[in-house]
Amino acid sequence: MYTVVDQQISLDVGQRGSRSLYQAARDSDPLTKVASEALSVALEAGSSVLLTTGFPIGPTAVPETDGPLGAVVLADALAAIGAEPILLADSRTQPVIRALCEELDLEVRLISAEADSDHSLLADCEPSAVIAVETPGRSADGSYRNMAGEEITAQLTPRDSLFKAAVDRGILTVGIGDGGNEIGMGTIRETVIDTVDHGETIACVTPVDELVVAGVSNWGAYGVACGLSLMTGRQLLHTAETERRLLAAAVEAGAVDGVSGASTESVDGIPAVVHAGVVEILRHCESQHSDSTTLPCEDSIS
């Protein structure tokens, strides 16, 4: 069933080459299986999980709809299995996070921090895992770039050093992305350079322990939440109708489509109905194993 989950989240509807990145990231087992198992092991040593998201769009650096939904849905799933999710976001993204948490009736600690406070942040939160969902990653020249290759360094607070600090402390790091310029894509940097437009310029250099590549980053986070569902035998994902409400709430709170830059209920140029459909399929995957806590290994995706 993890293979089916991976198939759904890695659909390259936006035709941006995410499928090639998925294949490069996958070793043997499905990415959602590996990531959810790693999180499960990490949670045995500590309950808090630090999640970061928020990608600035346009000259006003408003947050995009891809990232916050995935981070909040995954945080909700983690909370449901007893973890303490902590969300890290800049001041522009925080209103969107708050609106999404309210929609899910999720009480969560929401914080902001400067890039030079990473070690103190980890000491304060004591996370067992750090997760980046659609979070800008540093390129080889030290800059941060959008998918068009344009520099956005001045519009964000870098988070790469947080992940390096987590690695230094032996904390599990997970990256979820779709384009090659997000934290975690350093794990497959050469593939990003070879297959993605502007790859040489935008490719992130920051690796993670577990990388989940999806057609849309939100889908990657939903896939990990679904993986946790399959492991625990509990249905943790939201419904398709809730997906629509979350997207509407995000836009109302100021998020925009990352591809068009428009204030529309879409993600990466893909309309809400498609995202709701992906959620519905993943919910079906959960329901097939809601009474089972162990699953057999799956064959590779053809």
C-alpha atoms as a PDB file:
ATOM      1  CA  MET A   1       0.000   0.000   0.000  1.00  0.00           C
ATOM      2  CA  TYR A   2       2.935   2.369   0.552  1.00  0.00           C
ATOM      3  CA  THR A   3       3.706   1.967  -3.142  1.00  0.00           C
ATOM      4  CA  VAL A   4       0.207   3.184  -4.012  1.00  0.00           C
ATOM      5  CA  VAL A   5       0.702   6.160  -1.695  1.00  0.00           C
ATOM      6  CA  ASP A   6       4.003   7.014  -3.374  1.00  0.00           C
ATOM      7  CA  GLN A   7       2.398   6.699  -6.807  1.00  0.00           C
ATOM      8  CA  GLN A   8      -0.243   9.251  -5.902  1.00  0.00           C
ATOM      9  CA  ILE A   9       1.999  11.853  -4.290  1.00  0.00           C
ATOM     10  CA  SER A  10       4.609  11.688  -7.066  1.00  0.00           C
ATOM     11  CA  LEU A  11       2.241  12.416  -9.950  1.00  0.00           C
ATOM     12  CA  ASP A  12       3.957  15.134 -11.977  1.00  0.00           C
ATOM     13  CA  VAL A  13       0.777  17.027 -12.817  1.00  0.00           C
ATOM     14  CA  GLY A  14       2.707  20.286 -13.066  1.00  0.00           C
ATOM     15  CA  GLN A  15       5.206  18.697 -15.507  1.00  0.00           C
ATOM     16  CA  ARG A  16       8.235  20.147 -13.715  1.00  0.00           C
ATOM     17  CA  GLY A  17      10.375  17.010 -13.598  1.00  0.00           C
ATOM     18  CA  SER A  18       9.479  15.950 -10.062  1.00  0.00           C
ATOM     19  CA  ARG A  19       9.118  12.332 -11.190  1.00  0.00           C
ATOM     20  CA  SER A  20      12.824  12.169 -12.068  1.00  0.00           C
ATOM     21  CA  LEU A  21      13.669  13.623  -8.668  1.00  0.00           C
ATOM     22  CA  TYR A  22      11.445  11.035  -6.999  1.00  0.00           C
ATOM     23  CA  GLN A  23      13.224   8.185  -8.763  1.00  0.00           C
ATOM     24  CA  ALA A  24      16.608   9.569  -7.718  1.00  0.00           C
ATOM     25  CA  ALA A  25      15.514   9.888  -4.086  1.00  0.00           C
ATOM     26  CA  ARG A  26      14.136   6.373  -3.847  1.00  0.00           C
ATOM     27  CA  ASP A  27      16.512   3.550  -3.007  1.00  0.00           C
ATOM     28  CA  SER A  28      14.343   0.492  -2.494  1.00  0.00           C
ATOM     29  CA  ASP A  29      11.327   0.979  -0.242  1.00  0.00           C
ATOM     30  CA  PRO A  30       8.728   3.689  -0.982  1.00  0.00           C
ATOM     31  CA  LEU A  31       9.747   7.107   0.305  1.00  0.00           C
ATOM     32  CA  THR A  32       6.653   7.492   2.489  1.00  0.00           C
ATOM     33  CA  LYS A  33       7.345   4.153   4.155  1.00  0.00           C
ATOM     34  CA  VAL A  34      10.966   5.030   4.923  1.00  0.00           C
ATOM     35  CA  ALA A  35      10.119   8.494   6.250  1.00  0.00           C
ATOM     36  CA  SER A  36       7.206   7.396   8.424  1.00  0.00           C
ATOM     37  CA  GLU A  37       9.218   4.518   9.875  1.00  0.00           C
ATOM     38  CA  ALA A  38      12.108   6.861  10.669  1.00  0.00           C
ATOM     39  CA  LEU A  39       9.733   9.283  12.387  1.00  0.00           C
ATOM     40  CA  SER A  40       8.190   6.456  14.375  1.00  0.00           C
ATOM     41  CA  VAL A  41      11.609   5.366  15.626  1.00  0.00           C
ATOM     42  CA  ALA A  42      12.603   8.951  16.422  1.00  0.00           C
ATOM     43  CA  LEU A  43       9.441   9.510  18.449  1.00  0.00           C
ATOM     44  CA  GLU A  44      10.413   6.666  20.738  1.00  0.00           C
ATOM     45  CA  ALA A  45      13.247   8.876  22.019  1.00  0.00           C
ATOM     46  CA  GLY A  46      11.271  12.121  22.323  1.00  0.00           C
ATOM     47  CA  SER A  47       7.848  13.456  21.532  1.00  0.00           C
ATOM     48  CA  SER A  48       8.411  16.909  20.054  1.00  0.00           C
ATOM     49  CA  VAL A  49       8.816  17.433  16.300  1.00  0.00           C
ATOM     50  CA  LEU A  50       9.854  20.753  14.769  1.00  0.00           C
ATOM     51  CA  LEU A  51       8.307  21.528  11.367  1.00  0.00           C
ATOM     52  CA  THR A  52       9.263  24.495   9.192  1.00  0.00           C
ATOM     53  CA  THR A  53       7.602  25.857   6.054  1.00  0.00           C
ATOM     54  CA  GLY A  54       6.992  29.010   4.047  1.00  0.00           C
ATOM     55  CA  PHE A  55       8.230  29.933   0.567  1.00  0.00           C
ATOM     56  CA  PRO A  56       8.130  33.650  -0.363  1.00  0.00           C
ATOM     57  CA  ILE A  57       6.456  34.630  -3.623  1.00  0.00           C
ATOM     58  CA  GLY A  58       6.832  37.898  -5.552  1.00  0.00           C
ATOM     59  CA  PRO A  59       8.231  41.260  -4.464  1.00  0.00           C
ATOM     60  CA  THR A  60       6.093  41.347  -1.306  1.00  0.00           C
ATOM     61  CA  ALA A  61       7.270  37.844  -0.287  1.00  0.00           C
ATOM     62  CA  VAL A  62       3.806  36.543   0.512  1.00  0.00           C
ATOM     63  CA  PRO A  63       3.696  32.816   1.347  1.00  0.00           C
ATOM     64  CA  GLU A  64       2.593  30.298  -1.242  1.00  0.00           C
ATOM     65  CA  THR A  65      -0.192  27.784  -0.768  1.00  0.00           C
ATOM     66  CA  ASP A  66       2.230  24.892  -1.145  1.00  0.00           C
ATOM     67  CA  GLY A  67       3.913  24.065   2.161  1.00  0.00           C
ATOM     68  CA  PRO A  68       1.728  25.446   4.960  1.00  0.00           C
ATOM     69  CA  LEU A  69      -1.135  23.030   4.268  1.00  0.00           C
ATOM     70  CA  GLY A  70       1.206  20.059   4.227  1.00  0.00           C
ATOM     71  CA  ALA A  71       3.041  21.137   7.376  1.00  0.00           C
ATOM     72  CA  VAL A  72      -0.159  21.682   9.353  1.00  0.00           C
ATOM     73  CA  VAL A  73      -1.791  18.436   8.187  1.00  0.00           C
ATOM     74  CA  LEU A  74       1.357  16.491   9.083  1.00  0.00           C
ATOM     75  CA  ALA A  75       1.511  18.293  12.448  1.00  0.00           C
ATOM     76  CA  ASP A  76      -2.103  17.278  13.069  1.00  0.00           C
ATOM     77  CA  ALA A  77      -1.290  13.637  12.297  1.00  0.00           C
ATOM     78  CA  LEU A  78       1.730  13.724  14.603  1.00  0.00           C
ATOM     79  CA  ALA A  79      -0.347  15.234  17.406  1.00  0.00           C
ATOM     80  CA  ALA A  80      -2.943  12.482  16.954  1.00  0.00           C
ATOM     81  CA  ILE A  81      -0.332   9.791  17.672  1.00  0.00           C
ATOM     82  CA  GLY A  82       0.965  11.543  20.770  1.00  0.00           C
ATOM     83  CA  ALA A  83       3.748  13.773  19.453  1.00  0.00           C
ATOM     84  CA  GLU A  84       4.128  17.476  20.208  1.00  0.00           C
ATOM     85  CA  PRO A  85       4.401  19.323  16.889  1.00  0.00           C
ATOM     86  CA  ILE A  86       6.074  22.741  16.921  1.00  0.00           C
ATOM     87  CA  LEU A  87       5.707  24.907  13.828  1.00  0.00           C
ATOM     88  CA  LEU A  88       8.428  27.357  12.791  1.00  0.00           C
ATOM     89  CA  ALA A  89       7.460  30.076  10.304  1.00  0.00           C
ATOM     90  CA  ASP A  90       8.275  33.684   9.480  1.00  0.00           C
ATOM     91  CA  SER A  91       5.928  36.570  10.257  1.00  0.00           C
ATOM     92  CA  ARG A  92       4.362  36.522   6.772  1.00  0.00           C
ATOM     93  CA  THR A  93       3.544  32.826   6.926  1.00  0.00           C
ATOM     94  CA  GLN A  94       2.293  32.723  10.511  1.00  0.00           C
ATOM     95  CA  PRO A  95      -1.195  34.120   9.763  1.00  0.00           C
ATOM     96  CA  VAL A  96      -1.663  31.336   7.224  1.00  0.00           C
ATOM     97  CA  ILE A  97      -0.506  28.717   9.730  1.00  0.00           C
ATOM     98  CA  ARG A  98      -2.887  30.072  12.364  1.00  0.00           C
ATOM     99  CA  ALA A  99      -5.826  29.984   9.949  1.00  0.00           C
ATOM    100  CA  LEU A 100      -5.080  26.381   8.997  1.00  0.00           C
ATOM    101  CA  CYS A 101      -4.685  25.265  12.604  1.00  0.00           C
ATOM    102  CA  GLU A 102      -8.009  26.896  13.443  1.00  0.00           C
ATOM    103  CA  GLU A 103      -9.660  25.048  10.575  1.00  0.00           C
ATOM    104  CA  LEU A 104      -8.335  21.739  11.922  1.00  0.00           C
ATOM    105  CA  ASP A 105      -8.960  22.709  15.542  1.00  0.00           C
ATOM    106  CA  LEU A 106      -5.270  22.031  16.164  1.00  0.00           C
ATOM    107  CA  GLU A 107      -3.544  23.626  19.124  1.00  0.00           C
ATOM    108  CA  VAL A 108       0.138  23.908  18.346  1.00  0.00           C
ATOM    109  CA  ARG A 109       3.133  25.941  19.407  1.00  0.00           C
ATOM    110  CA  LEU A 110       3.957  28.413  16.632  1.00  0.00           C
ATOM    111  CA  ILE A 111       7.301  30.176  16.775  1.00  0.00           C
ATOM    112  CA  SER A 112       9.666  32.317  14.724  1.00  0.00           C
ATOM    113  CA  ALA A 113      13.424  32.487  15.150  1.00  0.00           C
ATOM    114  CA  GLU A 114      16.434  34.121  13.570  1.00  0.00           C
ATOM    115  CA  ALA A 115      18.827  31.970  11.597  1.00  0.00           C
ATOM    116  CA  ASP A 116      21.622  32.469  14.143  1.00  0.00           C
ATOM    117  CA  SER A 117      19.529  31.047  16.979  1.00  0.00           C
ATOM    118  CA  ASP A 118      19.371  27.496  15.666  1.00  0.00           C
ATOM    119  CA  HIS A 119      21.296  25.820  18.488  1.00  0.00           C
ATOM    120  CA  SER A 120      19.303  27.599  21.182  1.00  0.00           C
ATOM    121  CA  LEU A 121      16.094  26.733  19.312  1.00  0.00           C
ATOM    122  CA  LEU A 122      16.979  23.057  19.311  1.00  0.00           C
ATOM    123  CA  ALA A 123      17.973  23.216  22.961  1.00  0.00           C
ATOM    124  CA  ASP A 124      14.646  24.824  23.821  1.00  0.00           C
ATOM    125  CA  CYS A 125      12.403  22.573  21.741  1.00  0.00           C
ATOM    126  CA  GLU A 126      14.403  19.340  22.164  1.00  0.00           C
ATOM    127  CA  PRO A 127      12.896  17.814  19.014  1.00  0.00           C
ATOM    128  CA  SER A 128      13.328  14.192  18.081  1.00  0.00           C
ATOM    129  CA  ALA A 129      12.955  15.199  14.420  1.00  0.00           C
ATOM    130  CA  VAL A 130      13.115  18.339  12.273  1.00  0.00           C
ATOM    131  CA  ILE A 131      10.979  18.444   9.120  1.00  0.00           C
ATOM    132  CA  ALA A 132      11.099  20.935   6.241  1.00  0.00           C
ATOM    133  CA  VAL A 133       8.015  21.171   4.032  1.00  0.00           C
ATOM    134  CA  GLU A 134       8.577  23.327   0.934  1.00  0.00           C
ATOM    135  CA  THR A 135      11.280  25.355   2.691  1.00  0.00           C
ATOM    136  CA  PRO A 136      13.809  27.294   0.557  1.00  0.00           C
ATOM    137  CA  GLY A 137      17.259  25.699   0.516  1.00  0.00           C
ATOM    138  CA  ARG A 138      20.636  27.293  -0.012  1.00  0.00           C
ATOM    139  CA  SER A 139      22.238  26.912  -3.440  1.00  0.00           C
ATOM    140  CA  ALA A 140      25.942  26.385  -4.118  1.00  0.00           C
ATOM    141  CA  ASP A 141      26.743  30.102  -4.261  1.00  0.00           C
ATOM    142  CA  GLY A 142      25.017  30.743  -0.924  1.00  0.00           C
ATOM    143  CA  SER A 143      21.928  32.332  -2.445  1.00  0.00           C
ATOM    144  CA  TYR A 144      18.290  31.244  -2.357  1.00  0.00           C
ATOM    145  CA  ARG A 145      16.396  30.934  -5.636  1.00  0.00           C
ATOM    146  CA  ASN A 146      12.887  30.356  -6.889  1.00  0.00           C
ATOM    147  CA  MET A 147      12.117  27.907  -9.692  1.00  0.00           C
ATOM    148  CA  ALA A 148      12.773  30.591 -12.306  1.00  0.00           C
ATOM    149  CA  GLY A 149      16.294  31.041 -10.968  1.00  0.00           C
ATOM    150  CA  GLU A 150      15.541  34.463  -9.473  1.00  0.00           C
ATOM    151  CA  GLU A 151      17.253  35.330  -6.202  1.00  0.00           C
ATOM    152  CA  ILE A 152      14.981  35.561  -3.139  1.00  0.00           C
ATOM    153  CA  THR A 153      17.662  35.632  -0.427  1.00  0.00           C
ATOM    154  CA  ALA A 154      16.568  38.984   0.996  1.00  0.00           C
ATOM    155  CA  GLN A 155      12.979  37.785   1.342  1.00  0.00           C
ATOM    156  CA  LEU A 156      13.501  34.950   3.792  1.00  0.00           C
ATOM    157  CA  THR A 157      15.117  33.699   6.971  1.00  0.00           C
ATOM    158  CA  PRO A 158      17.460  30.819   6.032  1.00  0.00           C
ATOM    159  CA  ARG A 159      16.823  27.472   7.728  1.00  0.00           C
ATOM    160  CA  ASP A 160      19.669  25.356   6.343  1.00  0.00           C
ATOM    161  CA  SER A 161      21.834  25.908   9.416  1.00  0.00           C
ATOM    162  CA  LEU A 162      18.986  24.586  11.578  1.00  0.00           C
ATOM    163  CA  PHE A 163      19.165  21.291   9.741  1.00  0.00           C
ATOM    164  CA  LYS A 164      22.945  21.177   9.976  1.00  0.00           C
ATOM    165  CA  ALA A 165      22.698  21.822  13.712  1.00  0.00           C
ATOM    166  CA  ALA A 166      20.129  19.031  13.987  1.00  0.00           C
ATOM    167  CA  VAL A 167      22.467  16.630  12.197  1.00  0.00           C
ATOM    168  CA  ASP A 168      25.295  17.623  14.548  1.00  0.00           C
ATOM    169  CA  ARG A 169      23.042  16.731  17.483  1.00  0.00           C
ATOM    170  CA  GLY A 170      21.958  13.396  16.007  1.00  0.00           C
ATOM    171  CA  ILE A 171      18.395  14.588  15.400  1.00  0.00           C
ATOM    172  CA  LEU A 172      16.462  13.037  12.509  1.00  0.00           C
ATOM    173  CA  THR A 173      16.050  15.404   9.547  1.00  0.00           C
ATOM    174  CA  VAL A 174      13.304  15.034   6.935  1.00  0.00           C
ATOM    175  CA  GLY A 175      12.882  17.151   3.813  1.00  0.00           C
ATOM    176  CA  ILE A 176       9.746  17.336   1.656  1.00  0.00           C
ATOM    177  CA  GLY A 177       9.924  19.110  -1.696  1.00  0.00           C
ATOM    178  CA  ASP A 178       8.982  19.037  -5.353  1.00  0.00           C
ATOM    179  CA  GLY A 179      11.342  21.221  -7.380  1.00  0.00           C
ATOM    180  CA  GLY A 180      14.960  20.886  -6.319  1.00  0.00           C
ATOM    181  CA  ASN A 181      15.418  24.217  -4.520  1.00  0.00           C
ATOM    182  CA  GLU A 182      14.046  23.092  -1.153  1.00  0.00           C
ATOM    183  CA  ILE A 183      15.882  21.951   1.970  1.00  0.00           C
ATOM    184  CA  GLY A 184      16.671  18.265   1.574  1.00  0.00           C
ATOM    185  CA  MET A 185      17.291  18.305  -2.163  1.00  0.00           C
ATOM    186  CA  GLY A 186      21.020  18.378  -1.525  1.00  0.00           C
ATOM    187  CA  THR A 187      20.573  14.622  -1.128  1.00  0.00           C
ATOM    188  CA  ILE A 188      19.990  14.362  -4.902  1.00  0.00           C
ATOM    189  CA  ARG A 189      21.664  17.581  -6.057  1.00  0.00           C
ATOM    190  CA  GLU A 190      23.261  16.121  -9.187  1.00  0.00           C
ATOM    191  CA  THR A 191      19.888  14.921 -10.432  1.00  0.00           C
ATOM    192  CA  VAL A 192      18.407  18.368  -9.831  1.00  0.00           C
ATOM    193  CA  ILE A 193      21.214  19.907 -11.884  1.00  0.00           C
ATOM    194  CA  ASP A 194      20.727  17.404 -14.718  1.00  0.00           C
ATOM    195  CA  THR A 195      16.924  17.351 -14.964  1.00  0.00           C
ATOM    196  CA  VAL A 196      15.382  20.587 -13.638  1.00  0.00           C
ATOM    197  CA  ASP A 197      15.226  23.902 -15.489  1.00  0.00           C
ATOM    198  CA  HIS A 198      17.852  26.270 -13.996  1.00  0.00           C
ATOM    199  CA  GLY A 199      19.058  23.260 -11.993  1.00  0.00           C
ATOM    200  CA  GLU A 200      22.675  24.412 -11.807  1.00  0.00           C
ATOM    201  CA  THR A 201      21.533  27.705 -10.303  1.00  0.00           C
ATOM    202  CA  ILE A 202      18.722  26.650  -7.975  1.00  0.00           C
ATOM    203  CA  ALA A 203      19.834  23.212  -6.733  1.00  0.00           C
ATOM    204  CA  CYS A 204      19.875  23.088  -2.938  1.00  0.00           C
ATOM    205  CA  VAL A 205      23.060  21.817  -1.291  1.00  0.00           C
ATOM    206  CA  THR A 206      21.509  20.875   2.059  1.00  0.00           C
ATOM    207  CA  PRO A 207      20.842  17.139   2.473  1.00  0.00           C
ATOM    208  CA  VAL A 208      18.572  15.400   4.970  1.00  0.00           C
ATOM    209  CA  ASP A 209      18.388  11.935   6.459  1.00  0.00           C
ATOM    210  CA  GLU A 210      15.088  11.181   4.710  1.00  0.00           C
ATOM    211  CA  LEU A 211      13.921  12.954   1.564  1.00  0.00           C
ATOM    212  CA  VAL A 212      10.348  12.756   0.268  1.00  0.00           C
ATOM    213  CA  VAL A 213       9.858  14.066  -3.277  1.00  0.00           C
ATOM    214  CA  ALA A 214       6.339  14.701  -4.537  1.00  0.00           C
ATOM    215  CA  GLY A 215       4.591  16.342  -7.470  1.00  0.00           C
ATOM    216  CA  VAL A 216       3.423  18.969  -4.955  1.00  0.00           C
ATOM    217  CA  SER A 217       5.086  19.365  -1.576  1.00  0.00           C
ATOM    218  CA  ASN A 218       1.748  19.344   0.249  1.00  0.00           C
ATOM    219  CA  TRP A 219       1.138  15.900  -1.230  1.00  0.00           C
ATOM    220  CA  GLY A 220       4.479  14.718   0.121  1.00  0.00           C
ATOM    221  CA  ALA A 221       3.484  15.743   3.644  1.00  0.00           C
ATOM    222  CA  TYR A 222       0.087  14.097   3.200  1.00  0.00           C
ATOM    223  CA  GLY A 223       1.886  10.958   2.069  1.00  0.00           C
ATOM    224  CA  VAL A 224       3.997  10.874   5.224  1.00  0.00           C
ATOM    225  CA  ALA A 225       0.851  11.370   7.316  1.00  0.00           C
ATOM    226  CA  CYS A 226      -0.731   8.501   5.391  1.00  0.00           C
ATOM    227  CA  GLY A 227       2.363   6.392   6.070  1.00  0.00           C
ATOM    228  CA  LEU A 228       1.951   7.038   9.789  1.00  0.00           C
ATOM    229  CA  SER A 229      -1.684   5.965   9.409  1.00  0.00           C
ATOM    230  CA  LEU A 230      -0.657   2.692   7.807  1.00  0.00           C
ATOM    231  CA  MET A 231       1.852   2.079  10.594  1.00  0.00           C
ATOM    232  CA  THR A 232      -0.564   2.804  13.441  1.00  0.00           C
ATOM    233  CA  GLY A 233      -3.782   1.459  11.942  1.00  0.00           C
ATOM    234  CA  ARG A 234      -5.437   4.854  12.486  1.00  0.00           C
ATOM    235  CA  GLN A 235      -6.964   7.166   9.895  1.00  0.00           C
ATOM    236  CA  LEU A 236      -5.000  10.377  10.389  1.00  0.00           C
ATOM    237  CA  LEU A 237      -5.574  12.302   7.169  1.00  0.00           C
ATOM    238  CA  HIS A 238      -8.166  15.011   6.663  1.00  0.00           C
ATOM    239  CA  THR A 239     -10.994  14.618   4.149  1.00  0.00           C
ATOM    240  CA  ALA A 240     -11.244  15.969   0.618  1.00  0.00           C
ATOM    241  CA  GLU A 241     -13.805  18.527   1.785  1.00  0.00           C
ATOM    242  CA  THR A 242     -11.458  19.648   4.547  1.00  0.00           C
ATOM    243  CA  GLU A 243      -8.711  20.036   1.941  1.00  0.00           C
ATOM    244  CA  ARG A 244     -10.924  22.477   0.088  1.00  0.00           C
ATOM    245  CA  ARG A 245     -11.618  24.405   3.287  1.00  0.00           C
ATOM    246  CA  LEU A 246      -7.930  24.498   4.191  1.00  0.00           C
ATOM    247  CA  LEU A 247      -7.001  25.880   0.798  1.00  0.00           C
ATOM    248  CA  ALA A 248      -9.710  28.524   1.024  1.00  0.00           C
ATOM    249  CA  ALA A 249      -8.552  29.471   4.534  1.00  0.00           C
ATOM    250  CA  ALA A 250      -4.941  29.761   3.376  1.00  0.00           C
ATOM    251  CA  VAL A 251      -5.869  32.096   0.547  1.00  0.00           C
ATOM    252  CA  GLU A 252      -8.097  34.156   2.827  1.00  0.00           C
ATOM    253  CA  ALA A 253      -5.132  34.514   5.206  1.00  0.00           C
ATOM    254  CA  GLY A 254      -2.906  35.843   2.421  1.00  0.00           C
ATOM    255  CA  ALA A 255      -1.317  32.854   0.664  1.00  0.00           C
ATOM    256  CA  VAL A 256      -1.015  32.791  -3.129  1.00  0.00           C
ATOM    257  CA  ASP A 257      -0.456  30.183  -5.811  1.00  0.00           C
ATOM    258  CA  GLY A 258       3.297  29.750  -6.154  1.00  0.00           C
ATOM    259  CA  VAL A 259       3.211  29.369  -9.933  1.00  0.00           C
ATOM    260  CA  SER A 260       0.783  32.132 -10.916  1.00  0.00           C
ATOM    261  CA  GLY A 261       1.285  34.400  -7.921  1.00  0.00           C
ATOM    262  CA  ALA A 262      -2.488  34.844  -7.865  1.00  0.00           C
ATOM    263  CA  SER A 263      -4.758  34.786  -4.843  1.00  0.00           C
ATOM    264  CA  THR A 264      -6.663  31.740  -6.059  1.00  0.00           C
ATOM    265  CA  GLU A 265      -7.672  28.450  -4.469  1.00  0.00           C
ATOM    266  CA  SER A 266      -4.984  26.475  -6.263  1.00  0.00           C
ATOM    267  CA  VAL A 267      -1.513  25.119  -5.544  1.00  0.00           C
ATOM    268  CA  ASP A 268       1.328  25.184  -8.076  1.00  0.00           C
ATOM    269  CA  GLY A 269      -1.153  26.079 -10.810  1.00  0.00           C
ATOM    270  CA  ILE A 270      -3.280  23.016 -10.013  1.00  0.00           C
ATOM    271  CA  PRO A 271      -6.942  23.589  -9.035  1.00  0.00           C
ATOM    272  CA  ALA A 272      -8.471  22.608  -5.708  1.00  0.00           C
ATOM    273  CA  VAL A 273     -10.444  19.710  -7.184  1.00  0.00           C
ATOM    274  CA  VAL A 274      -7.219  17.858  -8.030  1.00  0.00           C
ATOM    275  CA  HIS A 275      -5.765  18.289  -4.542  1.00  0.00           C
ATOM    276  CA  ALA A 276      -9.033  17.117  -3.007  1.00  0.00           C
ATOM    277  CA  GLY A 277      -8.872  14.067  -5.279  1.00  0.00           C
ATOM    278  CA  VAL A 278      -5.361  13.175  -4.116  1.00  0.00           C
ATOM    279  CA  VAL A 279      -6.502  13.409  -0.499  1.00  0.00           C
ATOM    280  CA  GLU A 280      -9.511  11.205  -1.264  1.00  0.00           C
ATOM    281  CA  ILE A 281      -7.274   8.510  -2.764  1.00  0.00           C
ATOM    282  CA  LEU A 282      -4.883   8.642   0.188  1.00  0.00           C
ATOM    283  CA  ARG A 283      -7.836   8.394   2.583  1.00  0.00           C
ATOM    284  CA  HIS A 284      -8.925   5.272   0.718  1.00  0.00           C
ATOM    285  CA  CYS A 285      -5.440   3.815   1.185  1.00  0.00           C
ATOM    286  CA  GLU A 286      -5.727   4.456   4.915  1.00  0.00           C
ATOM    287  CA  SER A 287      -9.147   2.856   5.160  1.00  0.00           C
ATOM    288  CA  GLN A 288      -7.898  -0.352   3.559  1.00  0.00           C
ATOM    289  CA  HIS A 289      -5.559  -0.893   6.510  1.00  0.00           C
ATOM    290  CA  SER A 290      -7.268   0.940   9.360  1.00  0.00           C
ATOM    291  CA  ASP A 291      -7.387  -2.304  11.348  1.00  0.00           C
ATOM    292  CA  SER A 292      -3.752  -3.304  10.745  1.00  0.00           C
ATOM    293  CA  THR A 293      -0.518  -2.017  12.267  1.00  0.00           C
ATOM    294  CA  THR A 294       1.901  -4.032  10.125  1.00  0.00           C
ATOM    295  CA  LEU A 295       2.206  -4.222   6.376  1.00  0.00           C
ATOM    296  CA  PRO A 296       4.393  -6.272   4.021  1.00  0.00           C
ATOM    297  CA  CYS A 297       7.154  -4.710   1.978  1.00  0.00           C
ATOM    298  CA  GLU A 298       6.042  -3.362  -1.388  1.00  0.00           C
ATOM    299  CA  ASP A 299       7.481  -3.803  -4.853  1.00  0.00           C
ATOM    300  CA  SER A 300       9.159  -0.870  -6.582  1.00  0.00           C
ATOM    301  CA  ILE A 301       7.136   1.497  -8.710  1.00  0.00           C
ATOM    302  CA  SER A 302       7.475   0.609 -12.373  1.00  0.00           C
END
